[in-house]
Amino acid sequence: INPVMGDGKYVPSLPGFGGLSIWAA
C-alpha cells in the first residue's frame, strides 16, 4: 500500500485523508 504521491500528498482516494500533505495529515 503506497498512497503518498511524489509531492508529499496522499492520493485523493485514501479514506479520510485523501489530498492532504502527510505533515498536515
mmCIF file of all heavy atoms, coordinates in Angstrom:
data_MODEL
# 
_entry.id   MODEL 
# 
loop_
_atom_site.group_PDB 
_atom_site.id 
_atom_site.type_symbol 
_atom_site.label_atom_id 
_atom_site.label_alt_id 
_atom_site.label_comp_id 
_atom_site.label_asym_id 
_atom_site.label_entity_id 
_atom_site.label_seq_id 
_atom_site.pdbx_PDB_ins_code 
_atom_site.Cartn_x 
_atom_site.Cartn_y 
_atom_site.Cartn_z 
_atom_site.occupancy 
_atom_site.B_iso_or_equiv 
_atom_site.pdbx_formal_charge 
_atom_site.auth_seq_id 
_atom_site.auth_comp_id 
_atom_site.auth_asym_id 
_atom_site.auth_atom_id 
_atom_site.pdbx_PDB_model_num 
ATOM 1   N N   . ILE A 1 1  ? 0.859   -1.194 0.000  1.00 0.00 ? 1  ILE A N   1 
ATOM 2   C CA  . ILE A 1 1  ? 0.000   0.000  0.000  1.00 0.00 ? 1  ILE A CA  1 
ATOM 3   C C   . ILE A 1 1  ? 0.890   1.237  0.000  1.00 0.00 ? 1  ILE A C   1 
ATOM 4   O O   . ILE A 1 1  ? 1.661   1.464  0.936  1.00 0.00 ? 1  ILE A O   1 
ATOM 5   C CB  . ILE A 1 1  ? -0.934  -0.009 1.228  1.00 0.00 ? 1  ILE A CB  1 
ATOM 6   C CG1 . ILE A 1 1  ? -1.850  -1.237 1.172  1.00 0.00 ? 1  ILE A CG1 1 
ATOM 7   C CG2 . ILE A 1 1  ? -1.743  1.279  1.307  1.00 0.00 ? 1  ILE A CG2 1 
ATOM 8   C CD1 . ILE A 1 1  ? -2.680  -1.439 2.428  1.00 0.00 ? 1  ILE A CD1 1 
ATOM 9   N N   . ASN A 1 2  ? 0.750   2.070  -1.022 1.00 0.00 ? 2  ASN A N   1 
ATOM 10  C CA  . ASN A 1 2  ? 1.679   3.178  -1.244 1.00 0.00 ? 2  ASN A CA  1 
ATOM 11  C C   . ASN A 1 2  ? 0.908   4.437  -1.639 1.00 0.00 ? 2  ASN A C   1 
ATOM 12  O O   . ASN A 1 2  ? 0.939   4.869  -2.792 1.00 0.00 ? 2  ASN A O   1 
ATOM 13  C CB  . ASN A 1 2  ? 2.656   2.778  -2.364 1.00 0.00 ? 2  ASN A CB  1 
ATOM 14  C CG  . ASN A 1 2  ? 3.738   3.795  -2.588 1.00 0.00 ? 2  ASN A CG  1 
ATOM 15  O OD1 . ASN A 1 2  ? 4.087   4.560  -1.711 1.00 0.00 ? 2  ASN A OD1 1 
ATOM 16  N ND2 . ASN A 1 2  ? 4.275   3.807  -3.798 1.00 0.00 ? 2  ASN A ND2 1 
ATOM 17  N N   . PRO A 1 3  ? 0.212   5.083  -0.684 1.00 0.00 ? 3  PRO A N   1 
ATOM 18  C CA  . PRO A 1 3  ? -0.706  6.169  -1.048 1.00 0.00 ? 3  PRO A CA  1 
ATOM 19  C C   . PRO A 1 3  ? -0.081  7.554  -1.139 1.00 0.00 ? 3  PRO A C   1 
ATOM 20  O O   . PRO A 1 3  ? -0.772  8.505  -1.499 1.00 0.00 ? 3  PRO A O   1 
ATOM 21  C CB  . PRO A 1 3  ? -1.724  6.136  0.089  1.00 0.00 ? 3  PRO A CB  1 
ATOM 22  C CG  . PRO A 1 3  ? -0.931  5.688  1.274  1.00 0.00 ? 3  PRO A CG  1 
ATOM 23  C CD  . PRO A 1 3  ? 0.070   4.708  0.736  1.00 0.00 ? 3  PRO A CD  1 
ATOM 24  N N   . VAL A 1 4  ? 1.204   7.719  -0.807 1.00 0.00 ? 4  VAL A N   1 
ATOM 25  C CA  . VAL A 1 4  ? 1.810   9.048  -0.840 1.00 0.00 ? 4  VAL A CA  1 
ATOM 26  C C   . VAL A 1 4  ? 2.371   9.319  -2.231 1.00 0.00 ? 4  VAL A C   1 
ATOM 27  O O   . VAL A 1 4  ? 3.160   8.548  -2.758 1.00 0.00 ? 4  VAL A O   1 
ATOM 28  C CB  . VAL A 1 4  ? 2.926   9.178  0.218  1.00 0.00 ? 4  VAL A CB  1 
ATOM 29  C CG1 . VAL A 1 4  ? 3.530   10.592 0.164  1.00 0.00 ? 4  VAL A CG1 1 
ATOM 30  C CG2 . VAL A 1 4  ? 2.384   8.895  1.612  1.00 0.00 ? 4  VAL A CG2 1 
ATOM 31  N N   . MET A 1 5  ? 1.967   10.436 -2.823 1.00 0.00 ? 5  MET A N   1 
ATOM 32  C CA  . MET A 1 5  ? 2.455   10.818 -4.147 1.00 0.00 ? 5  MET A CA  1 
ATOM 33  C C   . MET A 1 5  ? 3.805   11.536 -4.019 1.00 0.00 ? 5  MET A C   1 
ATOM 34  O O   . MET A 1 5  ? 4.254   11.872 -2.930 1.00 0.00 ? 5  MET A O   1 
ATOM 35  C CB  . MET A 1 5  ? 1.430   11.708 -4.844 1.00 0.00 ? 5  MET A CB  1 
ATOM 36  C CG  . MET A 1 5  ? 0.088   11.014 -5.077 1.00 0.00 ? 5  MET A CG  1 
ATOM 37  S SD  . MET A 1 5  ? -1.094  12.006 -6.036 1.00 0.00 ? 5  MET A SD  1 
ATOM 38  C CE  . MET A 1 5  ? -1.458  13.331 -4.858 1.00 0.00 ? 5  MET A CE  1 
ATOM 39  N N   . GLY A 1 6  ? 4.430   11.775 -5.177 1.00 0.00 ? 6  GLY A N   1 
ATOM 40  C CA  . GLY A 1 6  ? 5.763   12.366 -5.192 1.00 0.00 ? 6  GLY A CA  1 
ATOM 41  C C   . GLY A 1 6  ? 5.844   13.754 -4.591 1.00 0.00 ? 6  GLY A C   1 
ATOM 42  O O   . GLY A 1 6  ? 6.915   14.196 -4.182 1.00 0.00 ? 6  GLY A O   1 
ATOM 43  N N   . ASP A 1 7  ? 4.708   14.465 -4.524 1.00 0.00 ? 7  ASP A N   1 
ATOM 44  C CA  . ASP A 1 7  ? 4.724   15.822 -3.957 1.00 0.00 ? 7  ASP A CA  1 
ATOM 45  C C   . ASP A 1 7  ? 4.426   15.832 -2.462 1.00 0.00 ? 7  ASP A C   1 
ATOM 46  O O   . ASP A 1 7  ? 4.283   16.899 -1.858 1.00 0.00 ? 7  ASP A O   1 
ATOM 47  C CB  . ASP A 1 7  ? 3.714   16.719 -4.689 1.00 0.00 ? 7  ASP A CB  1 
ATOM 48  C CG  . ASP A 1 7  ? 2.278   16.199 -4.596 1.00 0.00 ? 7  ASP A CG  1 
ATOM 49  O OD1 . ASP A 1 7  ? 2.060   15.131 -3.973 1.00 0.00 ? 7  ASP A OD1 1 
ATOM 50  O OD2 . ASP A 1 7  ? 1.374   16.849 -5.147 1.00 0.00 ? 7  ASP A OD2 1 
ATOM 51  N N   . GLY A 1 8  ? 4.285   14.653 -1.854 1.00 0.00 ? 8  GLY A N   1 
ATOM 52  C CA  . GLY A 1 8  ? 4.056   14.583 -0.414 1.00 0.00 ? 8  GLY A CA  1 
ATOM 53  C C   . GLY A 1 8  ? 2.602   14.569 -0.010 1.00 0.00 ? 8  GLY A C   1 
ATOM 54  O O   . GLY A 1 8  ? 2.297   14.617 1.191  1.00 0.00 ? 8  GLY A O   1 
ATOM 55  N N   . LYS A 1 9  ? 1.711   14.490 -0.969 1.00 0.00 ? 9  LYS A N   1 
ATOM 56  C CA  . LYS A 1 9  ? 0.277   14.432 -0.660 1.00 0.00 ? 9  LYS A CA  1 
ATOM 57  C C   . LYS A 1 9  ? -0.243  13.015 -0.848 1.00 0.00 ? 9  LYS A C   1 
ATOM 58  O O   . LYS A 1 9  ? 0.263   12.258 -1.675 1.00 0.00 ? 9  LYS A O   1 
ATOM 59  C CB  . LYS A 1 9  ? -0.500  15.390 -1.562 1.00 0.00 ? 9  LYS A CB  1 
ATOM 60  C CG  . LYS A 1 9  ? -0.177  16.856 -1.322 1.00 0.00 ? 9  LYS A CG  1 
ATOM 61  C CD  . LYS A 1 9  ? -0.988  17.743 -2.262 1.00 0.00 ? 9  LYS A CD  1 
ATOM 62  C CE  . LYS A 1 9  ? -0.663  19.221 -2.028 1.00 0.00 ? 9  LYS A CE  1 
ATOM 63  N NZ  . LYS A 1 9  ? -1.430  20.103 -2.953 1.00 0.00 ? 9  LYS A NZ  1 
ATOM 64  N N   . TYR A 1 10 ? -1.271  12.684 -0.061 1.00 0.00 ? 10 TYR A N   1 
ATOM 65  C CA  . TYR A 1 10 ? -1.931  11.397 -0.249 1.00 0.00 ? 10 TYR A CA  1 
ATOM 66  C C   . TYR A 1 10 ? -2.742  11.405 -1.545 1.00 0.00 ? 10 TYR A C   1 
ATOM 67  O O   . TYR A 1 10 ? -3.277  12.447 -1.961 1.00 0.00 ? 10 TYR A O   1 
ATOM 68  C CB  . TYR A 1 10 ? -2.888  11.106 0.902  1.00 0.00 ? 10 TYR A CB  1 
ATOM 69  C CG  . TYR A 1 10 ? -2.223  10.791 2.224  1.00 0.00 ? 10 TYR A CG  1 
ATOM 70  C CD1 . TYR A 1 10 ? -2.475  11.568 3.349  1.00 0.00 ? 10 TYR A CD1 1 
ATOM 71  C CD2 . TYR A 1 10 ? -1.379  9.691  2.366  1.00 0.00 ? 10 TYR A CD2 1 
ATOM 72  C CE1 . TYR A 1 10 ? -1.901  11.278 4.568  1.00 0.00 ? 10 TYR A CE1 1 
ATOM 73  C CE2 . TYR A 1 10 ? -0.800  9.392  3.592  1.00 0.00 ? 10 TYR A CE2 1 
ATOM 74  C CZ  . TYR A 1 10 ? -1.053  10.188 4.685  1.00 0.00 ? 10 TYR A CZ  1 
ATOM 75  O OH  . TYR A 1 10 ? -0.487  9.904  5.893  1.00 0.00 ? 10 TYR A OH  1 
ATOM 76  N N   . VAL A 1 11 ? -2.870  10.222 -2.143 1.00 0.00 ? 11 VAL A N   1 
ATOM 77  C CA  . VAL A 1 11 ? -3.748  10.107 -3.308 1.00 0.00 ? 11 VAL A CA  1 
ATOM 78  C C   . VAL A 1 11 ? -5.175  10.477 -2.891 1.00 0.00 ? 11 VAL A C   1 
ATOM 79  O O   . VAL A 1 11 ? -5.575  10.250 -1.745 1.00 0.00 ? 11 VAL A O   1 
ATOM 80  C CB  . VAL A 1 11 ? -3.720  8.680  -3.881 1.00 0.00 ? 11 VAL A CB  1 
ATOM 81  C CG1 . VAL A 1 11 ? -2.365  8.350  -4.469 1.00 0.00 ? 11 VAL A CG1 1 
ATOM 82  C CG2 . VAL A 1 11 ? -4.113  7.651  -2.828 1.00 0.00 ? 11 VAL A CG2 1 
ATOM 83  N N   . PRO A 1 12 ? -5.954  11.082 -3.774 1.00 0.00 ? 12 PRO A N   1 
ATOM 84  C CA  . PRO A 1 12 ? -7.312  11.527 -3.402 1.00 0.00 ? 12 PRO A CA  1 
ATOM 85  C C   . PRO A 1 12 ? -8.194  10.401 -2.885 1.00 0.00 ? 12 PRO A C   1 
ATOM 86  O O   . PRO A 1 12 ? -9.130  10.650 -2.110 1.00 0.00 ? 12 PRO A O   1 
ATOM 87  C CB  . PRO A 1 12 ? -7.861  12.105 -4.715 1.00 0.00 ? 12 PRO A CB  1 
ATOM 88  C CG  . PRO A 1 12 ? -6.645  12.515 -5.487 1.00 0.00 ? 12 PRO A CG  1 
ATOM 89  C CD  . PRO A 1 12 ? -5.595  11.502 -5.144 1.00 0.00 ? 12 PRO A CD  1 
ATOM 90  N N   . SER A 1 13 ? -7.916  9.165  -3.283 1.00 0.00 ? 13 SER A N   1 
ATOM 91  C CA  . SER A 1 13 ? -8.791  8.049  -2.908 1.00 0.00 ? 13 SER A CA  1 
ATOM 92  C C   . SER A 1 13 ? -8.537  7.508  -1.514 1.00 0.00 ? 13 SER A C   1 
ATOM 93  O O   . SER A 1 13 ? -9.282  6.641  -1.042 1.00 0.00 ? 13 SER A O   1 
ATOM 94  C CB  . SER A 1 13 ? -8.626  6.908  -3.924 1.00 0.00 ? 13 SER A CB  1 
ATOM 95  O OG  . SER A 1 13 ? -7.272  6.471  -3.958 1.00 0.00 ? 13 SER A OG  1 
ATOM 96  N N   . LEU A 1 14 ? -7.511  7.994  -0.799 1.00 0.00 ? 14 LEU A N   1 
ATOM 97  C CA  . LEU A 1 14 ? -7.221  7.461  0.532  1.00 0.00 ? 14 LEU A CA  1 
ATOM 98  C C   . LEU A 1 14 ? -8.346  7.838  1.494  1.00 0.00 ? 14 LEU A C   1 
ATOM 99  O O   . LEU A 1 14 ? -8.631  9.021  1.686  1.00 0.00 ? 14 LEU A O   1 
ATOM 100 C CB  . LEU A 1 14 ? -5.893  7.989  1.053  1.00 0.00 ? 14 LEU A CB  1 
ATOM 101 C CG  . LEU A 1 14 ? -5.479  7.440  2.420  1.00 0.00 ? 14 LEU A CG  1 
ATOM 102 C CD1 . LEU A 1 14 ? -5.108  5.960  2.309  1.00 0.00 ? 14 LEU A CD1 1 
ATOM 103 C CD2 . LEU A 1 14 ? -4.320  8.239  3.011  1.00 0.00 ? 14 LEU A CD2 1 
ATOM 104 N N   . PRO A 1 15 ? -8.981  6.860  2.139  1.00 0.00 ? 15 PRO A N   1 
ATOM 105 C CA  . PRO A 1 15 ? -10.104 7.156  3.035  1.00 0.00 ? 15 PRO A CA  1 
ATOM 106 C C   . PRO A 1 15 ? -9.713  8.115  4.159  1.00 0.00 ? 15 PRO A C   1 
ATOM 107 O O   . PRO A 1 15 ? -8.745  7.893  4.872  1.00 0.00 ? 15 PRO A O   1 
ATOM 108 C CB  . PRO A 1 15 ? -10.485 5.785  3.598  1.00 0.00 ? 15 PRO A CB  1 
ATOM 109 C CG  . PRO A 1 15 ? -10.005 4.812  2.584  1.00 0.00 ? 15 PRO A CG  1 
ATOM 110 C CD  . PRO A 1 15 ? -8.753  5.401  2.020  1.00 0.00 ? 15 PRO A CD  1 
ATOM 111 N N   . GLY A 1 16 ? -10.479 9.196  4.271  1.00 0.00 ? 16 GLY A N   1 
ATOM 112 C CA  . GLY A 1 16 ? -10.316 10.121 5.383  1.00 0.00 ? 16 GLY A CA  1 
ATOM 113 C C   . GLY A 1 16 ? -9.265  11.184 5.233  1.00 0.00 ? 16 GLY A C   1 
ATOM 114 O O   . GLY A 1 16 ? -9.372  12.252 5.848  1.00 0.00 ? 16 GLY A O   1 
ATOM 115 N N   . PHE A 1 17 ? -8.226  10.930 4.400  1.00 0.00 ? 17 PHE A N   1 
ATOM 116 C CA  . PHE A 1 17 ? -7.102  11.866 4.361  1.00 0.00 ? 17 PHE A CA  1 
ATOM 117 C C   . PHE A 1 17 ? -6.634  12.165 2.939  1.00 0.00 ? 17 PHE A C   1 
ATOM 118 O O   . PHE A 1 17 ? -5.586  12.785 2.748  1.00 0.00 ? 17 PHE A O   1 
ATOM 119 C CB  . PHE A 1 17 ? -5.926  11.299 5.171  1.00 0.00 ? 17 PHE A CB  1 
ATOM 120 C CG  . PHE A 1 17 ? -6.334  10.715 6.494  1.00 0.00 ? 17 PHE A CG  1 
ATOM 121 C CD1 . PHE A 1 17 ? -6.372  9.338  6.681  1.00 0.00 ? 17 PHE A CD1 1 
ATOM 122 C CD2 . PHE A 1 17 ? -6.733  11.536 7.533  1.00 0.00 ? 17 PHE A CD2 1 
ATOM 123 C CE1 . PHE A 1 17 ? -6.762  8.783  7.889  1.00 0.00 ? 17 PHE A CE1 1 
ATOM 124 C CE2 . PHE A 1 17 ? -7.132  10.993 8.750  1.00 0.00 ? 17 PHE A CE2 1 
ATOM 125 C CZ  . PHE A 1 17 ? -7.153  9.615  8.933  1.00 0.00 ? 17 PHE A CZ  1 
ATOM 126 N N   . GLY A 1 18 ? -7.396  11.748 1.943  1.00 0.00 ? 18 GLY A N   1 
ATOM 127 C CA  . GLY A 1 18 ? -7.001  11.948 0.556  1.00 0.00 ? 18 GLY A CA  1 
ATOM 128 C C   . GLY A 1 18 ? -6.778  13.411 0.218  1.00 0.00 ? 18 GLY A C   1 
ATOM 129 O O   . GLY A 1 18 ? -7.552  14.286 0.617  1.00 0.00 ? 18 GLY A O   1 
ATOM 130 N N   . GLY A 1 19 ? -5.689  13.695 -0.500 1.00 0.00 ? 19 GLY A N   1 
ATOM 131 C CA  . GLY A 1 19 ? -5.368  15.051 -0.932 1.00 0.00 ? 19 GLY A CA  1 
ATOM 132 C C   . GLY A 1 19 ? -4.577  15.869 0.061  1.00 0.00 ? 19 GLY A C   1 
ATOM 133 O O   . GLY A 1 19 ? -4.058  16.931 -0.287 1.00 0.00 ? 19 GLY A O   1 
ATOM 134 N N   . LEU A 1 20 ? -4.457  15.398 1.305  1.00 0.00 ? 20 LEU A N   1 
ATOM 135 C CA  . LEU A 1 20 ? -3.701  16.135 2.321  1.00 0.00 ? 20 LEU A CA  1 
ATOM 136 C C   . LEU A 1 20 ? -2.215  15.835 2.191  1.00 0.00 ? 20 LEU A C   1 
ATOM 137 O O   . LEU A 1 20 ? -1.811  14.738 1.803  1.00 0.00 ? 20 LEU A O   1 
ATOM 138 C CB  . LEU A 1 20 ? -4.161  15.741 3.731  1.00 0.00 ? 20 LEU A CB  1 
ATOM 139 C CG  . LEU A 1 20 ? -5.575  16.115 4.154  1.00 0.00 ? 20 LEU A CG  1 
ATOM 140 C CD1 . LEU A 1 20 ? -5.866  15.527 5.533  1.00 0.00 ? 20 LEU A CD1 1 
ATOM 141 C CD2 . LEU A 1 20 ? -5.740  17.630 4.181  1.00 0.00 ? 20 LEU A CD2 1 
ATOM 142 N N   . SER A 1 21 ? -1.377  16.819 2.542  1.00 0.00 ? 21 SER A N   1 
ATOM 143 C CA  . SER A 1 21 ? 0.043   16.519 2.671  1.00 0.00 ? 21 SER A CA  1 
ATOM 144 C C   . SER A 1 21 ? 0.232   15.671 3.921  1.00 0.00 ? 21 SER A C   1 
ATOM 145 O O   . SER A 1 21 ? -0.568  15.749 4.865  1.00 0.00 ? 21 SER A O   1 
ATOM 146 C CB  . SER A 1 21 ? 0.865   17.810 2.795  1.00 0.00 ? 21 SER A CB  1 
ATOM 147 O OG  . SER A 1 21 ? 0.766   18.340 4.108  1.00 0.00 ? 21 SER A OG  1 
ATOM 148 N N   . ILE A 1 22 ? 1.265   14.864 3.928  1.00 0.00 ? 22 ILE A N   1 
ATOM 149 C CA  . ILE A 1 22 ? 1.438   13.955 5.060  1.00 0.00 ? 22 ILE A CA  1 
ATOM 150 C C   . ILE A 1 22 ? 1.647   14.722 6.363  1.00 0.00 ? 22 ILE A C   1 
ATOM 151 O O   . ILE A 1 22 ? 1.210   14.273 7.427  1.00 0.00 ? 22 ILE A O   1 
ATOM 152 C CB  . ILE A 1 22 ? 2.587   12.962 4.823  1.00 0.00 ? 22 ILE A CB  1 
ATOM 153 C CG1 . ILE A 1 22 ? 3.925   13.693 4.631  1.00 0.00 ? 22 ILE A CG1 1 
ATOM 154 C CG2 . ILE A 1 22 ? 2.283   12.061 3.635  1.00 0.00 ? 22 ILE A CG2 1 
ATOM 155 C CD1 . ILE A 1 22 ? 5.133   12.762 4.621  1.00 0.00 ? 22 ILE A CD1 1 
ATOM 156 N N   . TRP A 1 23 ? 2.296   15.886 6.292  1.00 0.00 ? 23 TRP A N   1 
ATOM 157 C CA  . TRP A 1 23 ? 2.552   16.648 7.521  1.00 0.00 ? 23 TRP A CA  1 
ATOM 158 C C   . TRP A 1 23 ? 1.251   17.269 8.027  1.00 0.00 ? 23 TRP A C   1 
ATOM 159 O O   . TRP A 1 23 ? 1.018   17.312 9.245  1.00 0.00 ? 23 TRP A O   1 
ATOM 160 C CB  . TRP A 1 23 ? 3.613   17.725 7.277  1.00 0.00 ? 23 TRP A CB  1 
ATOM 161 C CG  . TRP A 1 23 ? 4.845   17.207 6.591  1.00 0.00 ? 23 TRP A CG  1 
ATOM 162 C CD1 . TRP A 1 23 ? 5.376   17.640 5.415  1.00 0.00 ? 23 TRP A CD1 1 
ATOM 163 C CD2 . TRP A 1 23 ? 5.703   16.135 7.022  1.00 0.00 ? 23 TRP A CD2 1 
ATOM 164 N NE1 . TRP A 1 23 ? 6.498   16.928 5.074  1.00 0.00 ? 23 TRP A NE1 1 
ATOM 165 C CE2 . TRP A 1 23 ? 6.733   15.996 6.048  1.00 0.00 ? 23 TRP A CE2 1 
ATOM 166 C CE3 . TRP A 1 23 ? 5.707   15.280 8.121  1.00 0.00 ? 23 TRP A CE3 1 
ATOM 167 C CZ2 . TRP A 1 23 ? 7.742   15.046 6.153  1.00 0.00 ? 23 TRP A CZ2 1 
ATOM 168 C CZ3 . TRP A 1 23 ? 6.721   14.326 8.224  1.00 0.00 ? 23 TRP A CZ3 1 
ATOM 169 C CH2 . TRP A 1 23 ? 7.703   14.215 7.261  1.00 0.00 ? 23 TRP A CH2 1 
ATOM 170 N N   . ALA A 1 24 ? 0.404   17.745 7.112  1.00 0.00 ? 24 ALA A N   1 
ATOM 171 C CA  . ALA A 1 24 ? -0.890  18.287 7.529  1.00 0.00 ? 24 ALA A CA  1 
ATOM 172 C C   . ALA A 1 24 ? -1.810  17.178 8.036  1.00 0.00 ? 24 ALA A C   1 
ATOM 173 O O   . ALA A 1 24 ? -2.687  17.410 8.882  1.00 0.00 ? 24 ALA A O   1 
ATOM 174 C CB  . ALA A 1 24 ? -1.543  19.013 6.354  1.00 0.00 ? 24 ALA A CB  1 
ATOM 175 N N   . ALA A 1 25 ? -1.608  15.956 7.534  1.00 0.00 ? 25 ALA A N   1 
ATOM 176 C CA  . ALA A 1 25 ? -2.461  14.837 7.934  1.00 0.00 ? 25 ALA A CA  1 
ATOM 177 C C   . ALA A 1 25 ? -2.098  14.285 9.301  1.00 0.00 ? 25 ALA A C   1 
ATOM 178 O O   . ALA A 1 25 ? -2.945  13.651 9.958  1.00 0.00 ? 25 ALA A O   1 
ATOM 179 C CB  . ALA A 1 25 ? -2.367  13.722 6.892  1.00 0.00 ? 25 ALA A CB  1 
# 
